[in-house]
Amino acid sequence: MKKNITRCGWVKLTDPLYVDYHDQEWGKPIYDDQALFELFSLETQSAGLSWLTVLKKRDGYREVFEGFKLERVAKYSDKDIERILESGLVVKSKPKIESIINNAKLFLEIQKEYGSLKNYFWGKINFNTITNDVPNLQALNSSSDLSSNITKELKKRGFKFIGSITLYAFMQASGMINDHENQCHCK
């Protein structure tokens, strides 16, 4: 962990996993469909929980969802749902597990329509990261008109466990929106 540098105010400095996530991952552009699917899925799992809770279980999610291979997850059955719930490696919520499988099927449709998840999501911002002026933690947005509009579109398609705040967090984490605070070394 790098010391004596300025980070965003939300980073729990006492947790090296959180610090590394902020420094190495959060806000870095993701263009790979499998990585976008994984991040989207994990963000939906954090609904009602802290991101740190899900982050600590990320390796478990990767294991039970076989690396988040979209085509494979889209074919999961009730037997797979039970296997995942019994694993003890993920947040034990059947509706949330079912949502990942449901959303995987719908993402396959988006891939057919747009060519890739990258084209779908990044196309919403003309493939250019939106960089916001964030002087401090209190000025940090939790949603936007854009995240609300994409959420409405996804819900219309049948996506589950997605809301404007969750989608905005996904956009921040995937680098679509740069919301690092202005003084942060990652800005």
Protein backbone atom coordinates (compact mmCIF):
# COMPACT_ATOMS: atom_id res chain seq x y z
CA MET A 1 0.00 0.00 0.00
CA LYS A 2 1.34 3.40 -1.00
CA LYS A 3 1.56 5.75 1.98
CA ASN A 4 1.56 9.54 2.13
CA ILE A 5 -0.52 9.98 -1.00
CA THR A 6 -3.97 11.48 -1.30
CA ARG A 7 -6.87 9.17 -2.09
CA CYS A 8 -10.61 9.58 -2.46
CA GLY A 9 -12.39 10.10 0.86
CA TRP A 10 -14.45 6.91 0.57
CA VAL A 11 -11.39 4.65 0.74
CA LYS A 12 -11.09 2.77 4.02
CA LEU A 13 -7.37 3.18 4.60
CA THR A 14 -7.36 0.48 7.26
CA ASP A 15 -8.24 -2.19 4.69
CA PRO A 16 -5.44 -3.00 2.22
CA LEU A 17 -7.87 -4.78 -0.12
CA TYR A 18 -9.97 -1.61 -0.39
CA VAL A 19 -6.90 0.61 -0.88
CA ASP A 20 -5.56 -1.68 -3.61
CA TYR A 21 -8.98 -1.79 -5.29
CA HIS A 22 -9.08 2.01 -5.35
CA ASP A 23 -5.49 2.42 -6.52
CA GLN A 24 -5.36 -0.39 -9.09
CA GLU A 25 -8.90 -0.91 -10.38
CA TRP A 26 -11.60 1.65 -9.57
CA GLY A 27 -12.11 4.02 -12.45
CA LYS A 28 -9.73 2.24 -14.83
CA PRO A 29 -11.47 1.73 -18.20
CA ILE A 30 -12.78 -1.78 -18.78
CA TYR A 31 -13.59 -2.78 -22.36
CA ASP A 32 -13.57 -6.58 -22.13
CA ASP A 33 -17.07 -8.11 -22.17
CA GLN A 34 -16.29 -10.78 -19.59
CA ALA A 35 -14.81 -8.19 -17.21
CA LEU A 36 -17.79 -5.86 -17.76
CA PHE A 37 -20.20 -8.73 -17.05
CA GLU A 38 -18.31 -9.63 -13.87
CA LEU A 39 -18.25 -6.06 -12.60
CA PHE A 40 -21.91 -5.49 -13.46
CA SER A 41 -22.83 -8.71 -11.64
CA LEU A 42 -20.81 -7.83 -8.56
CA GLU A 43 -22.32 -4.34 -8.43
CA THR A 44 -25.81 -5.86 -8.44
CA GLN A 45 -24.78 -8.10 -5.54
CA SER A 46 -23.80 -5.09 -3.45
CA ALA A 47 -27.37 -3.72 -3.44
CA GLY A 48 -28.17 -3.25 0.25
CA LEU A 49 -24.61 -4.16 1.27
CA SER A 50 -21.27 -2.43 1.33
CA TRP A 51 -19.04 -2.78 -1.71
CA LEU A 52 -16.30 -4.04 0.60
CA THR A 53 -18.49 -7.02 1.58
CA VAL A 54 -18.80 -8.06 -2.06
CA LEU A 55 -15.17 -7.24 -2.84
CA LYS A 56 -14.04 -9.61 -0.08
CA LYS A 57 -16.13 -12.36 -1.71
CA ARG A 58 -15.08 -11.56 -5.29
CA ASP A 59 -12.82 -14.61 -5.59
CA GLY A 60 -15.70 -16.78 -4.40
CA TYR A 61 -17.99 -15.28 -7.03
CA ARG A 62 -15.35 -15.90 -9.67
CA GLU A 63 -15.09 -19.51 -8.59
CA VAL A 64 -18.79 -20.37 -8.43
CA PHE A 65 -19.59 -18.45 -11.64
CA GLU A 66 -16.65 -20.09 -13.45
CA GLY A 67 -14.85 -16.84 -14.26
CA PHE A 68 -18.07 -15.10 -15.37
CA LYS A 69 -18.08 -16.66 -18.83
CA LEU A 70 -21.28 -15.13 -20.16
CA GLU A 71 -22.42 -18.03 -22.36
CA ARG A 72 -21.83 -20.55 -19.58
CA VAL A 73 -23.60 -18.53 -16.85
CA ALA A 74 -26.60 -17.94 -19.14
CA LYS A 75 -27.15 -21.73 -19.21
CA TYR A 76 -27.14 -22.21 -15.43
CA SER A 77 -30.02 -24.24 -14.01
CA ASP A 78 -31.70 -24.60 -10.63
CA LYS A 79 -29.01 -27.16 -9.80
CA ASP A 80 -26.33 -24.49 -10.35
CA ILE A 81 -28.24 -22.03 -8.17
CA GLU A 82 -28.30 -24.55 -5.33
CA ARG A 83 -24.58 -25.32 -5.84
CA ILE A 84 -23.75 -21.60 -5.61
CA LEU A 85 -25.91 -21.00 -2.54
CA GLU A 86 -24.47 -24.03 -0.74
CA SER A 87 -20.87 -23.04 -1.55
CA GLY A 88 -20.62 -20.47 1.23
CA LEU A 89 -18.42 -18.41 -1.09
CA VAL A 90 -20.93 -15.69 -2.01
CA VAL A 91 -23.64 -13.57 -0.44
CA LYS A 92 -26.40 -16.08 0.24
CA SER A 93 -29.33 -14.54 -1.63
CA LYS A 94 -31.21 -16.69 -4.12
CA PRO A 95 -32.83 -13.70 -5.88
CA LYS A 96 -29.44 -12.06 -6.34
CA ILE A 97 -27.89 -15.27 -7.70
CA GLU A 98 -30.85 -15.72 -10.04
CA SER A 99 -30.41 -12.13 -11.22
CA ILE A 100 -26.86 -12.84 -12.41
CA ILE A 101 -28.13 -15.73 -14.52
CA ASN A 102 -31.10 -13.72 -15.81
CA ASN A 103 -28.86 -10.78 -16.67
CA ALA A 104 -26.36 -13.07 -18.44
CA LYS A 105 -29.11 -14.24 -20.81
CA LEU A 106 -30.09 -10.63 -21.50
CA PHE A 107 -26.47 -9.59 -22.04
CA LEU A 108 -26.20 -12.26 -24.76
CA GLU A 109 -29.08 -10.47 -26.51
CA ILE A 110 -27.29 -7.14 -26.13
CA GLN A 111 -24.12 -8.67 -27.61
CA LYS A 112 -26.12 -9.83 -30.64
CA GLU A 113 -27.70 -6.41 -31.04
CA TYR A 114 -24.64 -4.21 -30.37
CA GLY A 115 -21.75 -6.55 -31.14
CA SER A 116 -20.41 -6.38 -27.58
CA LEU A 117 -21.16 -5.14 -24.08
CA LYS A 118 -18.38 -2.62 -24.64
CA ASN A 119 -20.27 -1.15 -27.59
CA TYR A 120 -23.49 -1.03 -25.61
CA PHE A 121 -22.16 0.63 -22.46
CA TRP A 122 -19.32 2.74 -23.84
CA GLY A 123 -21.46 3.78 -26.80
CA LYS A 124 -23.73 5.58 -24.32
CA ILE A 125 -20.86 8.03 -23.69
CA ASN A 126 -19.40 8.08 -27.22
CA PHE A 127 -16.48 5.91 -26.01
CA ASN A 128 -15.08 8.81 -23.95
CA THR A 129 -14.77 8.78 -20.18
CA ILE A 130 -16.83 11.45 -18.44
CA THR A 131 -14.54 13.25 -15.99
CA ASN A 132 -16.39 15.05 -13.22
CA ASP A 133 -15.17 17.85 -10.98
CA VAL A 134 -15.14 16.25 -7.53
CA PRO A 135 -13.56 18.62 -5.00
CA ASN A 136 -14.40 16.34 -2.03
CA LEU A 137 -16.39 13.31 -0.94
CA GLN A 138 -19.51 15.37 -0.26
CA ALA A 139 -19.58 16.50 -3.92
CA LEU A 140 -19.52 12.93 -5.24
CA ASN A 141 -22.61 11.94 -7.22
CA SER A 142 -24.40 8.67 -6.55
CA SER A 143 -26.48 8.72 -9.75
CA SER A 144 -27.11 10.83 -12.83
CA ASP A 145 -29.65 11.33 -15.57
CA LEU A 146 -27.51 9.06 -17.74
CA SER A 147 -27.43 6.23 -15.18
CA SER A 148 -31.20 6.63 -14.68
CA ASN A 149 -31.86 6.45 -18.42
CA ILE A 150 -29.67 3.37 -18.93
CA THR A 151 -31.29 1.75 -15.89
CA LYS A 152 -34.77 2.31 -17.35
CA GLU A 153 -33.61 0.78 -20.62
CA LEU A 154 -32.11 -2.25 -18.86
CA LYS A 155 -35.20 -2.77 -16.69
CA LYS A 156 -37.36 -2.62 -19.81
CA ARG A 157 -35.22 -5.44 -21.21
CA GLY A 158 -35.84 -7.45 -18.02
CA PHE A 159 -32.64 -6.89 -16.02
CA LYS A 160 -32.89 -7.52 -12.28
CA PHE A 161 -31.28 -5.94 -9.19
CA ILE A 162 -30.34 -2.82 -11.08
CA GLY A 163 -31.09 0.76 -10.14
CA SER A 164 -29.68 4.14 -11.04
CA ILE A 165 -27.29 4.17 -8.06
CA THR A 166 -26.02 0.66 -8.81
CA LEU A 167 -25.55 1.48 -12.47
CA TYR A 168 -23.74 4.72 -11.63
CA ALA A 169 -21.38 2.76 -9.35
CA PHE A 170 -20.77 0.34 -12.24
CA MET A 171 -20.01 3.26 -14.56
CA GLN A 172 -17.56 4.72 -12.02
CA ALA A 173 -15.83 1.41 -11.38
CA SER A 174 -15.57 0.54 -15.09
CA GLY A 175 -13.95 3.87 -15.93
CA MET A 176 -16.90 5.23 -17.89
CA ILE A 177 -17.12 8.00 -15.31
CA ASN A 178 -14.03 9.38 -13.59
CA ASP A 179 -15.20 10.44 -10.15
CA HIS A 180 -11.85 10.36 -8.38
CA GLU A 181 -11.66 13.41 -6.15
CA ASN A 182 -9.64 16.23 -7.69
CA GLN A 183 -6.77 15.82 -5.21
CA CYS A 184 -6.65 12.01 -5.56
CA HIS A 185 -3.44 10.60 -7.01
CA CYS A 186 -5.58 8.56 -9.46
CA LYS A 187 -7.34 11.57 -11.02
